[in-house]
Amino acid sequence: VIRIDRLESANLGLPRDPKTDLLMR
């Protein structure tokens, strides 16, 4: 499964830590 995210969702330079967004594993 590949997820197409909106371009504005990619926080370039300031990546967040998504490890607890478990539904996106």
PDB file of all heavy atoms in Angstrom:
ATOM      1  N   VAL A   1       0.855  -1.186   0.000  1.00  0.00           N
ATOM      2  CA  VAL A   1       0.000   0.000   0.000  1.00  0.00           C
ATOM      3  C   VAL A   1       0.888   1.232   0.000  1.00  0.00           C
ATOM      4  O   VAL A   1       1.719   1.402   0.901  1.00  0.00           O
ATOM      5  CB  VAL A   1      -0.936   0.022   1.226  1.00  0.00           C
ATOM      6  CG1 VAL A   1      -1.857   1.243   1.166  1.00  0.00           C
ATOM      7  CG2 VAL A   1      -1.774  -1.257   1.300  1.00  0.00           C
ATOM      8  N   ILE A   2       0.732   2.078  -1.013  1.00  0.00           N
ATOM      9  CA  ILE A   2       1.444   3.348  -1.010  1.00  0.00           C
ATOM     10  C   ILE A   2       0.427   4.462  -0.777  1.00  0.00           C
ATOM     11  O   ILE A   2      -0.653   4.459  -1.337  1.00  0.00           O
ATOM     12  CB  ILE A   2       2.219   3.592  -2.326  1.00  0.00           C
ATOM     13  CG1 ILE A   2       1.290   3.607  -3.528  1.00  0.00           C
ATOM     14  CG2 ILE A   2       3.328   2.559  -2.487  1.00  0.00           C
ATOM     15  CD1 ILE A   2       1.941   4.135  -4.789  1.00  0.00           C
ATOM     16  N   ARG A   3       0.789   5.384   0.096  1.00  0.00           N
ATOM     17  CA  ARG A   3      -0.112   6.487   0.430  1.00  0.00           C
ATOM     18  C   ARG A   3       0.284   7.738  -0.345  1.00  0.00           C
ATOM     19  O   ARG A   3       1.443   8.164  -0.294  1.00  0.00           O
ATOM     20  CB  ARG A   3      -0.058   6.766   1.927  1.00  0.00           C
ATOM     21  CG  ARG A   3      -1.103   7.771   2.397  1.00  0.00           C
ATOM     22  CD  ARG A   3      -1.131   7.922   3.911  1.00  0.00           C
ATOM     23  NE  ARG A   3       0.007   8.671   4.418  1.00  0.00           N
ATOM     24  CZ  ARG A   3       0.999   8.135   5.112  1.00  0.00           C
ATOM     25  NH1 ARG A   3       0.985   6.842   5.391  1.00  0.00           N
ATOM     26  NH2 ARG A   3       2.007   8.875   5.547  1.00  0.00           N
ATOM     27  N   ILE A   4      -0.667   8.303  -1.087  1.00  0.00           N
ATOM     28  CA  ILE A   4      -0.431   9.576  -1.750  1.00  0.00           C
ATOM     29  C   ILE A   4      -0.829  10.690  -0.801  1.00  0.00           C
ATOM     30  O   ILE A   4      -2.009  10.900  -0.514  1.00  0.00           O
ATOM     31  CB  ILE A   4      -1.210   9.685  -3.072  1.00  0.00           C
ATOM     32  CG1 ILE A   4      -0.720   8.635  -4.079  1.00  0.00           C
ATOM     33  CG2 ILE A   4      -1.078  11.090  -3.655  1.00  0.00           C
ATOM     34  CD1 ILE A   4      -1.434   8.679  -5.417  1.00  0.00           C
ATOM     35  N   ASP A   5       0.169  11.401  -0.273  1.00  0.00           N
ATOM     36  CA  ASP A   5      -0.063  12.546   0.594  1.00  0.00           C
ATOM     37  C   ASP A   5      -0.041  13.822  -0.230  1.00  0.00           C
ATOM     38  O   ASP A   5       0.637  13.906  -1.264  1.00  0.00           O
ATOM     39  CB  ASP A   5       1.021  12.623   1.677  1.00  0.00           C
ATOM     40  CG  ASP A   5       0.747  11.690   2.838  1.00  0.00           C
ATOM     41  OD1 ASP A   5      -0.246  11.914   3.542  1.00  0.00           O
ATOM     42  OD2 ASP A   5       1.535  10.744   3.043  1.00  0.00           O
ATOM     43  N   ARG A   6      -0.788  14.820   0.229  1.00  0.00           N
ATOM     44  CA  ARG A   6      -0.721  16.131  -0.411  1.00  0.00           C
ATOM     45  C   ARG A   6       0.676  16.700  -0.227  1.00  0.00           C
ATOM     46  O   ARG A   6       1.325  16.477   0.806  1.00  0.00           O
ATOM     47  CB  ARG A   6      -1.761  17.081   0.193  1.00  0.00           C
ATOM     48  CG  ARG A   6      -3.204  16.628   0.020  1.00  0.00           C
ATOM     49  CD  ARG A   6      -3.626  16.638  -1.432  1.00  0.00           C
ATOM     50  NE  ARG A   6      -5.039  16.324  -1.582  1.00  0.00           N
ATOM     51  CZ  ARG A   6      -5.989  17.240  -1.743  1.00  0.00           C
ATOM     52  NH1 ARG A   6      -5.690  18.527  -1.738  1.00  0.00           N
ATOM     53  NH2 ARG A   6      -7.258  16.856  -1.907  1.00  0.00           N
ATOM     54  N   LEU A   7       1.122  17.475  -1.199  1.00  0.00           N
ATOM     55  CA  LEU A   7       2.464  18.044  -1.144  1.00  0.00           C
ATOM     56  C   LEU A   7       2.673  18.870   0.122  1.00  0.00           C
ATOM     57  O   LEU A   7       3.719  18.819   0.762  1.00  0.00           O
ATOM     58  CB  LEU A   7       2.710  18.922  -2.377  1.00  0.00           C
ATOM     59  CG  LEU A   7       4.159  19.317  -2.636  1.00  0.00           C
ATOM     60  CD1 LEU A   7       4.976  18.128  -3.091  1.00  0.00           C
ATOM     61  CD2 LEU A   7       4.228  20.434  -3.674  1.00  0.00           C
ATOM     62  N   GLU A   8       1.633  19.617   0.513  1.00  0.00           N
ATOM     63  CA  GLU A   8       1.771  20.489   1.686  1.00  0.00           C
ATOM     64  C   GLU A   8       1.883  19.699   2.983  1.00  0.00           C
ATOM     65  O   GLU A   8       2.230  20.269   4.031  1.00  0.00           O
ATOM     66  CB  GLU A   8       0.585  21.459   1.769  1.00  0.00           C
ATOM     67  CG  GLU A   8      -0.781  20.809   1.731  1.00  0.00           C
ATOM     68  CD  GLU A   8      -1.359  20.713   0.324  1.00  0.00           C
ATOM     69  OE1 GLU A   8      -0.556  20.618  -0.635  1.00  0.00           O
ATOM     70  OE2 GLU A   8      -2.583  20.735   0.198  1.00  0.00           O
ATOM     71  N   SER A   9       1.605  18.401   2.955  1.00  0.00           N
ATOM     72  CA  SER A   9       1.726  17.576   4.160  1.00  0.00           C
ATOM     73  C   SER A   9       3.168  17.203   4.470  1.00  0.00           C
ATOM     74  O   SER A   9       3.488  16.801   5.579  1.00  0.00           O
ATOM     75  CB  SER A   9       0.908  16.288   4.000  1.00  0.00           C
ATOM     76  OG  SER A   9      -0.465  16.579   3.840  1.00  0.00           O
ATOM     77  N   ALA A  10       4.026  17.311   3.466  1.00  0.00           N
ATOM     78  CA  ALA A  10       5.433  16.966   3.677  1.00  0.00           C
ATOM     79  C   ALA A  10       6.148  18.152   4.319  1.00  0.00           C
ATOM     80  O   ALA A  10       6.419  19.152   3.675  1.00  0.00           O
ATOM     81  CB  ALA A  10       6.080  16.609   2.346  1.00  0.00           C
ATOM     82  N   ASN A  11       6.440  18.054   5.582  1.00  0.00           N
ATOM     83  CA  ASN A  11       7.088  19.139   6.327  1.00  0.00           C
ATOM     84  C   ASN A  11       8.589  19.121   6.076  1.00  0.00           C
ATOM     85  O   ASN A  11       9.374  18.635   6.885  1.00  0.00           O
ATOM     86  CB  ASN A  11       6.794  19.014   7.823  1.00  0.00           C
ATOM     87  CG  ASN A  11       5.315  19.158   8.109  1.00  0.00           C
ATOM     88  OD1 ASN A  11       4.645  20.010   7.536  1.00  0.00           O
ATOM     89  ND2 ASN A  11       4.804  18.325   8.999  1.00  0.00           N
ATOM     90  N   LEU A  12       8.985  19.600   4.941  1.00  0.00           N
ATOM     91  CA  LEU A  12      10.390  19.542   4.562  1.00  0.00           C
ATOM     92  C   LEU A  12      11.239  20.362   5.523  1.00  0.00           C
ATOM     93  O   LEU A  12      10.932  21.510   5.820  1.00  0.00           O
ATOM     94  CB  LEU A  12      10.564  20.056   3.141  1.00  0.00           C
ATOM     95  CG  LEU A  12       9.728  19.316   2.075  1.00  0.00           C
ATOM     96  CD1 LEU A  12      10.002  19.899   0.713  1.00  0.00           C
ATOM     97  CD2 LEU A  12      10.039  17.838   2.101  1.00  0.00           C
ATOM     98  N   GLY A  13      12.330  19.766   5.999  1.00  0.00           N
ATOM     99  CA  GLY A  13      13.233  20.456   6.906  1.00  0.00           C
ATOM    100  C   GLY A  13      12.851  20.326   8.363  1.00  0.00           C
ATOM    101  O   GLY A  13      13.681  20.464   9.236  1.00  0.00           O
ATOM    102  N   LEU A  14      11.578  20.086   8.646  1.00  0.00           N
ATOM    103  CA  LEU A  14      11.117  19.954  10.029  1.00  0.00           C
ATOM    104  C   LEU A  14      10.283  18.687  10.166  1.00  0.00           C
ATOM    105  O   LEU A  14       9.091  18.737  10.459  1.00  0.00           O
ATOM    106  CB  LEU A  14      10.296  21.183  10.442  1.00  0.00           C
ATOM    107  CG  LEU A  14      11.066  22.497  10.571  1.00  0.00           C
ATOM    108  CD1 LEU A  14      10.075  23.654  10.774  1.00  0.00           C
ATOM    109  CD2 LEU A  14      12.050  22.428  11.736  1.00  0.00           C
ATOM    110  N   PRO A  15      10.875  17.528   9.906  1.00  0.00           N
ATOM    111  CA  PRO A  15      10.103  16.292   9.966  1.00  0.00           C
ATOM    112  C   PRO A  15       9.608  16.002  11.370  1.00  0.00           C
ATOM    113  O   PRO A  15      10.335  16.152  12.343  1.00  0.00           O
ATOM    114  CB  PRO A  15      11.102  15.222   9.513  1.00  0.00           C
ATOM    115  CG  PRO A  15      12.446  15.815   9.808  1.00  0.00           C
ATOM    116  CD  PRO A  15      12.296  17.296   9.614  1.00  0.00           C
ATOM    117  N   ARG A  16       8.348  15.632  11.484  1.00  0.00           N
ATOM    118  CA  ARG A  16       7.800  15.274  12.780  1.00  0.00           C
ATOM    119  C   ARG A  16       8.061  13.796  13.030  1.00  0.00           C
ATOM    120  O   ARG A  16       8.375  13.044  12.111  1.00  0.00           O
ATOM    121  CB  ARG A  16       6.294  15.553  12.816  1.00  0.00           C
ATOM    122  CG  ARG A  16       5.497  14.764  11.802  1.00  0.00           C
ATOM    123  CD  ARG A  16       4.042  15.156  11.778  1.00  0.00           C
ATOM    124  NE  ARG A  16       3.305  14.430  10.761  1.00  0.00           N
ATOM    125  CZ  ARG A  16       2.812  13.217  10.927  1.00  0.00           C
ATOM    126  NH1 ARG A  16       2.984  12.592  12.075  1.00  0.00           N
ATOM    127  NH2 ARG A  16       2.153  12.614   9.955  1.00  0.00           N
ATOM    128  N   ASP A  17       7.923  13.360  14.256  1.00  0.00           N
ATOM    129  CA  ASP A  17       8.104  11.951  14.603  1.00  0.00           C
ATOM    130  C   ASP A  17       6.723  11.288  14.570  1.00  0.00           C
ATOM    131  O   ASP A  17       5.884  11.539  15.423  1.00  0.00           O
ATOM    132  CB  ASP A  17       8.710  11.836  15.997  1.00  0.00           C
ATOM    133  CG  ASP A  17       9.032  10.402  16.362  1.00  0.00           C
ATOM    134  OD1 ASP A  17       8.658   9.501  15.581  1.00  0.00           O
ATOM    135  OD2 ASP A  17       9.650  10.173  17.400  1.00  0.00           O
ATOM    136  N   PRO A  18       6.484  10.441  13.560  1.00  0.00           N
ATOM    137  CA  PRO A  18       5.140   9.875  13.399  1.00  0.00           C
ATOM    138  C   PRO A  18       4.929   8.530  14.085  1.00  0.00           C
ATOM    139  O   PRO A  18       3.917   7.878  13.854  1.00  0.00           O
ATOM    140  CB  PRO A  18       5.060   9.687  11.879  1.00  0.00           C
ATOM    141  CG  PRO A  18       6.456   9.297  11.514  1.00  0.00           C
ATOM    142  CD  PRO A  18       7.374  10.036  12.484  1.00  0.00           C
ATOM    143  N   LYS A  19       5.853   8.115  14.963  1.00  0.00           N
ATOM    144  CA  LYS A  19       5.849   6.724  15.417  1.00  0.00           C
ATOM    145  C   LYS A  19       4.595   6.323  16.183  1.00  0.00           C
ATOM    146  O   LYS A  19       4.299   5.131  16.297  1.00  0.00           O
ATOM    147  CB  LYS A  19       7.092   6.427  16.246  1.00  0.00           C
ATOM    148  CG  LYS A  19       7.170   7.141  17.598  1.00  0.00           C
ATOM    149  CD  LYS A  19       8.453   6.769  18.319  1.00  0.00           C
ATOM    150  CE  LYS A  19       8.546   7.416  19.685  1.00  0.00           C
ATOM    151  NZ  LYS A  19       9.799   7.057  20.390  1.00  0.00           N
ATOM    152  N   THR A  20       3.853   7.297  16.726  1.00  0.00           N
ATOM    153  CA  THR A  20       2.615   6.940  17.440  1.00  0.00           C
ATOM    154  C   THR A  20       1.373   7.057  16.559  1.00  0.00           C
ATOM    155  O   THR A  20       0.272   6.781  17.025  1.00  0.00           O
ATOM    156  CB  THR A  20       2.434   7.828  18.686  1.00  0.00           C
ATOM    157  OG1 THR A  20       2.398   9.204  18.293  1.00  0.00           O
ATOM    158  CG2 THR A  20       3.552   7.613  19.675  1.00  0.00           C
ATOM    159  N   ASP A  21       1.531   7.456  15.296  1.00  0.00           N
ATOM    160  CA  ASP A  21       0.393   7.461  14.361  1.00  0.00           C
ATOM    161  C   ASP A  21       0.209   6.045  13.831  1.00  0.00           C
ATOM    162  O   ASP A  21       0.461   5.744  12.666  1.00  0.00           O
ATOM    163  CB  ASP A  21       0.649   8.436  13.205  1.00  0.00           C
ATOM    164  CG  ASP A  21       0.692   9.878  13.658  1.00  0.00           C
ATOM    165  OD1 ASP A  21       0.102  10.173  14.723  1.00  0.00           O
ATOM    166  OD2 ASP A  21       1.296  10.703  12.959  1.00  0.00           O
ATOM    167  N   LEU A  22      -0.233   5.160  14.699  1.00  0.00           N
ATOM    168  CA  LEU A  22      -0.181   3.726  14.416  1.00  0.00           C
ATOM    169  C   LEU A  22      -1.002   3.311  13.209  1.00  0.00           C
ATOM    170  O   LEU A  22      -0.687   2.317  12.545  1.00  0.00           O
ATOM    171  CB  LEU A  22      -0.636   2.942  15.652  1.00  0.00           C
ATOM    172  CG  LEU A  22       0.223   3.144  16.904  1.00  0.00           C
ATOM    173  CD1 LEU A  22      -0.296   2.296  18.055  1.00  0.00           C
ATOM    174  CD2 LEU A  22       1.689   2.833  16.622  1.00  0.00           C
ATOM    175  N   LEU A  23      -2.064   4.039  12.903  1.00  0.00           N
ATOM    176  CA  LEU A  23      -2.884   3.671  11.749  1.00  0.00           C
ATOM    177  C   LEU A  23      -2.131   3.861  10.428  1.00  0.00           C
ATOM    178  O   LEU A  23      -2.593   3.404   9.379  1.00  0.00           O
ATOM    179  CB  LEU A  23      -4.176   4.482  11.719  1.00  0.00           C
ATOM    180  CG  LEU A  23      -5.177   4.219  12.846  1.00  0.00           C
ATOM    181  CD1 LEU A  23      -6.430   5.056  12.647  1.00  0.00           C
ATOM    182  CD2 LEU A  23      -5.542   2.741  12.927  1.00  0.00           C
ATOM    183  N   MET A  24      -0.968   4.513  10.463  1.00  0.00           N
ATOM    184  CA  MET A  24      -0.193   4.743   9.245  1.00  0.00           C
ATOM    185  C   MET A  24       0.975   3.764   9.103  1.00  0.00           C
ATOM    186  O   MET A  24       1.846   3.947   8.252  1.00  0.00           O
ATOM    187  CB  MET A  24       0.308   6.187   9.199  1.00  0.00           C
ATOM    188  CG  MET A  24      -0.816   7.194   9.096  1.00  0.00           C
ATOM    189  SD  MET A  24      -0.312   8.844   8.548  1.00  0.00           S
ATOM    190  CE  MET A  24       0.766   9.337   9.891  1.00  0.00           C
ATOM    191  N   ARG A  25       0.986   2.711   9.911  1.00  0.00           N
ATOM    192  CA  ARG A  25       2.092   1.768   9.855  1.00  0.00           C
ATOM    193  C   ARG A  25       2.012   0.892   8.592  1.00  0.00           C
ATOM    194  O   ARG A  25       1.006   0.841   7.896  1.00  0.00           O
ATOM    195  CB  ARG A  25       2.103   0.877  11.110  1.00  0.00           C
ATOM    196  CG  ARG A  25       1.016  -0.179  11.136  1.00  0.00           C
ATOM    197  CD  ARG A  25       0.926  -0.853  12.479  1.00  0.00           C
ATOM    198  NE  ARG A  25       0.037  -2.016  12.446  1.00  0.00           N
ATOM    199  CZ  ARG A  25      -0.385  -2.654  13.529  1.00  0.00           C
ATOM    200  NH1 ARG A  25       0.003  -2.255  14.743  1.00  0.00           N
ATOM    201  NH2 ARG A  25      -1.178  -3.713  13.414  1.00  0.00           N
TER     202      ARG A  25
END
